[in-house]
Amino acid sequence: MKIKKYVVGMIGTNCYLVINEETKESVMVDPGAYPAKVKNAVKEQGLKLKAVLLTHAHFDHIMGLSDVMEDVKVPVYVEEADLPMMTDGESNLSSTYVRGGYRFEEAVPVSDGQQLEIAGFQFRVIHTPGHTPGGCCYYMEQEGVLFSGDTLFQTSVGRSDFPGGSASALVRSVKEKLLVLPEETHVYPGHMEETTIGYEKLHNPFI
């Protein structure tokens, strides 16, 4: 397995490609708003994109979906509580940047505990509300990897002052659902640098 990170858009959203090096199949985690870098990487490396996983439905994580879908039609997964945001420019915050807001109507809902088997990997959905109602993380237990979106950052957590956000729910999500994972788990967040669960237990002042 190889994980490649691409920082895209005006607020530095982390877009990830999870690559099966044997089959060249890949999974995209959060395309961001301007996915040209990651689209080019898929083409240049001859990768076969099999799915897109969304950690939540804010514009800076979803607005590049239409561009990605121009090249290949694959399932796009989002936690079920964020599904309404996919077609609501006010709640996904895109209406500030796009007239009428950004809409994507083909997302497939997933729920807490659901296992997705894609490209030879297993991703477990962990519902972590707080940043958004349907914020979620994707846990690859065998590989010891967590994609945390805007729930958990290096020594920080996501904002909770957007529509549908809740500071208490966010902290509860992190404490009850993420800090119980093995300390050596590598955390790949939606912004900024990677970390581990063990490091956050020791150094994160918000939890």
Protein backbone atom coordinates (compact mmCIF):
# COMPACT_ATOMS: atom_id res chain seq x y z
CA MET A 1 0.00 0.00 0.00
CA LYS A 2 1.07 3.55 -0.75
CA ILE A 3 -0.63 6.74 0.45
CA LYS A 4 -0.02 9.91 -1.53
CA LYS A 5 -1.10 13.33 -0.25
CA TYR A 6 -2.02 16.29 -2.46
CA VAL A 7 -2.69 19.69 -0.88
CA VAL A 8 -5.32 21.49 -2.95
CA GLY A 9 -7.43 24.63 -2.94
CA MET A 10 -7.34 27.99 -1.23
CA ILE A 11 -7.37 26.62 2.33
CA GLY A 12 -5.00 23.73 1.84
CA THR A 13 -7.26 20.69 1.87
CA ASN A 14 -5.49 17.34 2.01
CA CYS A 15 -6.60 14.97 -0.74
CA TYR A 16 -5.31 11.41 -0.50
CA LEU A 17 -4.83 8.54 -2.89
CA VAL A 18 -4.65 5.09 -1.33
CA ILE A 19 -2.88 2.92 -3.88
CA ASN A 20 -2.72 -0.85 -4.22
CA GLU A 21 0.75 -1.15 -5.72
CA GLU A 22 0.11 -4.65 -7.08
CA THR A 23 -3.10 -3.93 -8.98
CA LYS A 24 -2.76 -0.14 -9.50
CA GLU A 25 -6.27 0.23 -8.11
CA SER A 26 -6.78 3.31 -5.96
CA VAL A 27 -9.19 5.04 -3.62
CA MET A 28 -9.48 8.83 -3.33
CA VAL A 29 -10.20 10.38 0.06
CA ASP A 30 -11.69 13.89 -0.29
CA PRO A 31 -11.08 15.34 -3.78
CA GLY A 32 -11.01 18.90 -2.46
CA ALA A 33 -12.33 21.86 -4.42
CA TYR A 34 -9.66 21.96 -7.14
CA PRO A 35 -8.57 18.39 -7.91
CA ALA A 36 -6.32 18.97 -10.94
CA LYS A 37 -3.22 17.75 -9.09
CA VAL A 38 -4.73 14.49 -8.00
CA LYS A 39 -6.51 13.90 -11.32
CA ASN A 40 -3.20 14.30 -13.12
CA ALA A 41 -1.55 11.92 -10.67
CA VAL A 42 -4.14 9.24 -11.39
CA LYS A 43 -3.52 9.58 -15.12
CA GLU A 44 0.26 9.85 -14.99
CA GLN A 45 0.64 6.84 -12.69
CA GLY A 46 -1.82 4.74 -14.66
CA LEU A 47 -4.05 4.22 -11.63
CA LYS A 48 -7.53 2.73 -11.72
CA LEU A 49 -9.73 4.81 -9.45
CA LYS A 50 -12.35 2.60 -7.77
CA ALA A 51 -14.14 4.94 -5.32
CA VAL A 52 -14.15 8.30 -3.58
CA LEU A 53 -14.54 8.49 0.20
CA LEU A 54 -15.79 11.76 1.70
CA THR A 55 -15.03 12.57 5.32
CA HIS A 56 -17.73 15.25 5.33
CA ALA A 57 -19.66 17.48 2.94
CA HIS A 58 -18.04 20.91 3.19
CA PHE A 59 -17.21 22.63 -0.09
CA ASP A 60 -13.44 22.43 0.28
CA HIS A 61 -13.68 18.63 0.40
CA ILE A 62 -16.39 17.95 -2.20
CA MET A 63 -16.44 20.67 -4.84
CA GLY A 64 -13.99 18.85 -7.11
CA LEU A 65 -16.23 15.80 -7.44
CA SER A 66 -17.72 16.84 -10.77
CA ASP A 67 -14.25 17.26 -12.27
CA VAL A 68 -13.18 13.84 -11.01
CA MET A 69 -16.33 12.25 -12.41
CA GLU A 70 -15.56 13.63 -15.88
CA ASP A 71 -12.78 11.07 -16.17
CA VAL A 72 -14.33 8.04 -14.48
CA LYS A 73 -17.65 7.16 -12.87
CA VAL A 74 -17.07 5.57 -9.47
CA PRO A 75 -19.09 5.38 -6.24
CA VAL A 76 -18.84 8.42 -3.97
CA TYR A 77 -19.47 7.60 -0.31
CA VAL A 78 -20.57 10.04 2.40
CA GLU A 79 -21.93 9.44 5.91
CA GLU A 80 -25.73 9.46 5.78
CA ALA A 81 -26.21 12.46 8.09
CA ASP A 82 -24.24 14.65 5.66
CA LEU A 83 -26.15 13.49 2.59
CA PRO A 84 -28.54 16.52 2.63
CA MET A 85 -25.52 18.85 2.62
CA MET A 86 -24.36 17.44 -0.71
CA THR A 87 -27.15 19.35 -2.45
CA ASP A 88 -27.41 22.41 -0.17
CA GLY A 89 -25.01 25.23 -0.97
CA GLU A 90 -25.72 27.01 2.31
CA SER A 91 -24.87 24.12 4.61
CA ASN A 92 -21.93 22.88 2.53
CA LEU A 93 -20.65 26.50 2.49
CA SER A 94 -20.19 26.61 -1.29
CA SER A 95 -22.72 29.37 -1.95
CA THR A 96 -20.09 31.95 -0.99
CA TYR A 97 -17.94 30.80 -3.91
CA VAL A 98 -20.37 29.40 -6.48
CA ARG A 99 -23.55 31.14 -7.59
CA GLY A 100 -26.44 28.99 -6.40
CA GLY A 101 -24.09 26.74 -4.47
CA TYR A 102 -22.46 23.45 -5.41
CA ARG A 103 -24.61 20.33 -5.70
CA PHE A 104 -23.67 16.69 -6.10
CA GLU A 105 -26.63 14.34 -6.24
CA GLU A 106 -25.04 10.92 -6.77
CA ALA A 107 -23.43 10.26 -3.39
CA VAL A 108 -23.98 6.89 -1.73
CA PRO A 109 -24.77 7.05 2.02
CA VAL A 110 -22.78 4.99 4.52
CA SER A 111 -23.21 4.60 8.27
CA ASP A 112 -21.23 4.01 11.43
CA GLY A 113 -19.49 0.64 11.53
CA GLN A 114 -20.02 -0.12 7.86
CA GLN A 115 -17.13 -1.92 6.18
CA LEU A 116 -16.21 -0.94 2.63
CA GLU A 117 -14.02 -3.32 0.67
CA ILE A 118 -12.39 -1.40 -2.17
CA ALA A 119 -9.22 -1.93 -4.21
CA GLY A 120 -8.19 -4.80 -1.96
CA PHE A 121 -8.47 -2.71 1.21
CA GLN A 122 -11.00 -2.58 4.04
CA PHE A 123 -12.23 0.79 5.26
CA ARG A 124 -14.40 0.96 8.39
CA VAL A 125 -16.70 3.98 8.66
CA ILE A 126 -16.48 5.72 12.04
CA HIS A 127 -19.21 8.33 12.45
CA THR A 128 -17.66 11.32 14.25
CA PRO A 129 -20.24 14.13 14.38
CA GLY A 130 -19.27 17.57 15.62
CA HIS A 131 -17.61 19.38 12.72
CA THR A 132 -20.67 18.43 10.65
CA PRO A 133 -23.60 16.14 11.53
CA GLY A 134 -22.23 13.39 9.28
CA GLY A 135 -18.52 13.89 9.72
CA CYS A 136 -16.76 10.55 9.62
CA CYS A 137 -13.37 8.90 9.60
CA TYR A 138 -12.21 5.88 7.62
CA TYR A 139 -10.17 3.32 9.54
CA MET A 140 -7.92 0.78 7.85
CA GLU A 141 -7.34 -1.58 10.76
CA GLN A 142 -4.94 -3.96 9.05
CA GLU A 143 -2.72 -1.10 7.87
CA GLY A 144 -3.05 0.96 11.06
CA VAL A 145 -4.29 4.03 9.20
CA LEU A 146 -7.06 6.54 9.96
CA PHE A 147 -8.31 9.26 7.61
CA SER A 148 -9.73 11.76 10.07
CA GLY A 149 -11.05 14.54 7.83
CA ASP A 150 -11.76 17.68 9.85
CA THR A 151 -12.49 15.79 13.07
CA LEU A 152 -8.94 15.41 14.37
CA PHE A 153 -5.82 17.39 13.42
CA GLN A 154 -2.28 17.43 14.74
CA THR A 155 -2.69 19.00 18.22
CA SER A 156 -6.12 20.36 17.28
CA VAL A 157 -9.67 19.46 16.30
CA GLY A 158 -12.06 20.75 13.66
CA ARG A 159 -14.19 23.85 13.94
CA SER A 160 -17.68 23.42 15.35
CA ASP A 161 -19.16 26.85 14.59
CA PHE A 162 -20.54 25.97 11.15
CA PRO A 163 -24.20 24.95 10.58
CA GLY A 164 -24.83 21.60 12.24
CA GLY A 165 -21.63 21.74 14.27
CA SER A 166 -21.32 20.92 17.96
CA ALA A 167 -18.21 21.36 20.10
CA SER A 168 -19.38 18.86 22.71
CA ALA A 169 -20.23 16.26 20.06
CA LEU A 170 -16.86 16.77 18.39
CA VAL A 171 -14.86 16.25 21.58
CA ARG A 172 -17.00 13.25 22.47
CA SER A 173 -16.42 11.76 19.01
CA VAL A 174 -12.66 12.11 19.34
CA LYS A 175 -12.47 10.78 22.89
CA GLU A 176 -14.91 7.90 22.54
CA LYS A 177 -14.27 6.77 18.97
CA LEU A 178 -10.75 7.78 17.97
CA LEU A 179 -8.60 7.77 21.09
CA VAL A 180 -9.61 4.16 21.71
CA LEU A 181 -7.74 3.10 18.55
CA PRO A 182 -4.19 1.74 18.89
CA GLU A 183 -1.71 4.47 19.78
CA GLU A 184 0.48 3.64 16.79
CA THR A 185 -2.39 4.37 14.36
CA HIS A 186 -1.23 6.85 11.71
CA VAL A 187 -3.70 9.73 11.34
CA TYR A 188 -4.10 11.45 7.96
CA PRO A 189 -6.18 14.62 8.55
CA GLY A 190 -8.10 16.90 6.21
CA HIS A 191 -5.65 19.77 6.76
CA MET A 192 -2.10 20.15 8.00
CA GLU A 193 0.34 17.36 8.82
CA GLU A 194 -0.02 13.71 9.76
CA THR A 195 0.07 12.52 13.37
CA THR A 196 -0.64 9.42 15.46
CA ILE A 197 -3.29 8.59 18.03
CA GLY A 198 -0.60 8.23 20.69
CA TYR A 199 0.82 11.67 19.95
CA GLU A 200 -2.62 13.28 20.18
CA LYS A 201 -3.33 11.61 23.50
CA LEU A 202 -0.23 13.30 24.91
CA HIS A 203 -0.20 16.66 23.15
CA ASN A 204 -3.69 17.67 21.96
CA PRO A 205 -4.98 20.42 24.30
CA PHE A 206 -8.57 20.11 23.05
CA ILE A 207 -9.05 16.54 24.24
